[in-house]
Amino acid sequence: MREKIIEKHLADAVRQSGGLAPKFTSPGFDGMPDRIVLLPGGHIGFVEVKAPGKVPRPLQEARHRLLRQLGFAVYVLDDISQIGGILDEIRAT
């Protein structure tokens, strides 16, 4: 399954949950996660979307560590079956 398809499933699931999942671009600060997931009640998480079996690049891993050190939840999604669990975890934060 292609990364774009997984990303579309994520955005659709977030929308069905009443939230937003805008594409995240950060000019001049490469390596940031692909999507910011904003759920009702002020819950936020960052999601890096990868094709099945692919892993984040070293710069992406560094950005994930930075965000986690700041207290944000960061997830790597490479299978649509993970979406429900990720959204549940974000809701719990």
Protein backbone atom coordinates (compact mmCIF):
# COMPACT_ATOMS: atom_id res chain seq x y z
CA MET A 1 0.00 0.00 0.00
CA ARG A 2 1.32 3.42 -0.89
CA GLU A 3 2.05 6.13 1.66
CA LYS A 4 -0.51 8.49 0.09
CA ILE A 5 -3.29 5.94 0.57
CA ILE A 6 -2.40 5.44 4.24
CA GLU A 7 -2.28 9.21 4.71
CA LYS A 8 -5.73 9.60 3.15
CA HIS A 9 -7.16 6.93 5.46
CA LEU A 10 -5.67 8.81 8.43
CA ALA A 11 -7.15 12.14 7.35
CA ASP A 12 -10.56 10.53 6.76
CA ALA A 13 -10.54 8.81 10.17
CA VAL A 14 -9.60 12.03 11.94
CA ARG A 15 -12.34 13.93 10.10
CA GLN A 16 -14.88 11.23 11.09
CA SER A 17 -13.76 11.73 14.69
CA GLY A 18 -14.62 15.42 14.46
CA GLY A 19 -11.02 16.55 14.16
CA LEU A 20 -8.55 17.92 11.66
CA ALA A 21 -5.36 16.44 10.22
CA PRO A 22 -3.72 19.20 8.21
CA LYS A 23 -0.63 18.45 6.18
CA PHE A 24 2.31 19.89 8.06
CA THR A 25 5.02 21.70 6.16
CA SER A 26 7.71 23.66 7.88
CA PRO A 27 9.92 25.62 5.49
CA GLY A 28 13.45 25.86 6.80
CA PHE A 29 12.89 23.10 9.37
CA ASP A 30 12.99 19.82 7.47
CA GLY A 31 12.13 16.45 8.94
CA MET A 32 8.93 17.39 10.72
CA PRO A 33 6.08 14.82 10.75
CA ASP A 34 3.63 14.74 7.83
CA ARG A 35 0.41 15.51 9.73
CA ILE A 36 -0.70 17.32 12.85
CA VAL A 37 -3.72 15.53 14.29
CA LEU A 38 -6.08 17.86 16.16
CA LEU A 39 -8.93 16.14 17.99
CA PRO A 40 -11.85 17.60 19.94
CA GLY A 41 -11.02 18.55 23.50
CA GLY A 42 -7.62 20.02 22.67
CA HIS A 43 -5.83 16.75 21.93
CA ILE A 44 -2.87 16.95 19.57
CA GLY A 45 -0.42 14.50 18.07
CA PHE A 46 2.08 14.41 15.23
CA VAL A 47 2.00 11.57 12.71
CA GLU A 48 4.75 10.55 10.31
CA VAL A 49 3.25 8.46 7.51
CA LYS A 50 5.41 5.84 5.82
CA ALA A 51 4.87 3.13 3.25
CA PRO A 52 4.61 -0.32 4.85
CA GLY A 53 7.92 -1.43 6.29
CA LYS A 54 9.65 1.91 5.73
CA VAL A 55 11.23 3.79 8.63
CA PRO A 56 11.87 7.49 9.27
CA ARG A 57 15.11 9.02 8.02
CA PRO A 58 17.68 10.07 10.63
CA LEU A 59 16.65 13.74 10.42
CA GLN A 60 13.01 12.75 10.91
CA GLU A 61 13.98 10.65 13.95
CA ALA A 62 15.81 13.68 15.38
CA ARG A 63 12.72 15.87 14.92
CA HIS A 64 10.54 13.20 16.54
CA ARG A 65 12.88 13.12 19.56
CA LEU A 66 12.76 16.92 19.80
CA LEU A 67 8.96 16.97 19.73
CA ARG A 68 8.77 14.17 22.32
CA GLN A 69 11.21 16.06 24.58
CA LEU A 70 8.81 19.00 24.36
CA GLY A 71 6.01 16.72 25.56
CA PHE A 72 4.21 16.02 22.28
CA ALA A 73 3.03 12.62 21.12
CA VAL A 74 4.67 11.51 17.86
CA TYR A 75 3.64 8.40 15.92
CA VAL A 76 4.96 6.59 12.88
CA LEU A 77 2.11 5.11 10.83
CA ASP A 78 2.82 2.50 8.16
CA ASP A 79 -0.37 0.43 8.17
CA ILE A 80 -4.01 1.55 8.17
CA SER A 81 -4.74 -0.94 10.96
CA GLN A 82 -2.73 1.32 13.31
CA ILE A 83 -4.94 4.37 12.82
CA GLY A 84 -7.58 3.55 15.45
CA GLY A 85 -4.96 2.89 18.11
CA ILE A 86 -3.08 6.09 17.32
CA LEU A 87 -6.26 8.16 17.53
CA ASP A 88 -7.17 6.47 20.83
CA GLU A 89 -3.74 7.34 22.24
CA ILE A 90 -4.01 10.94 21.10
CA ARG A 91 -7.45 11.23 22.70
CA ALA A 92 -5.95 9.93 25.97
CA THR A 93 -3.29 12.66 26.09
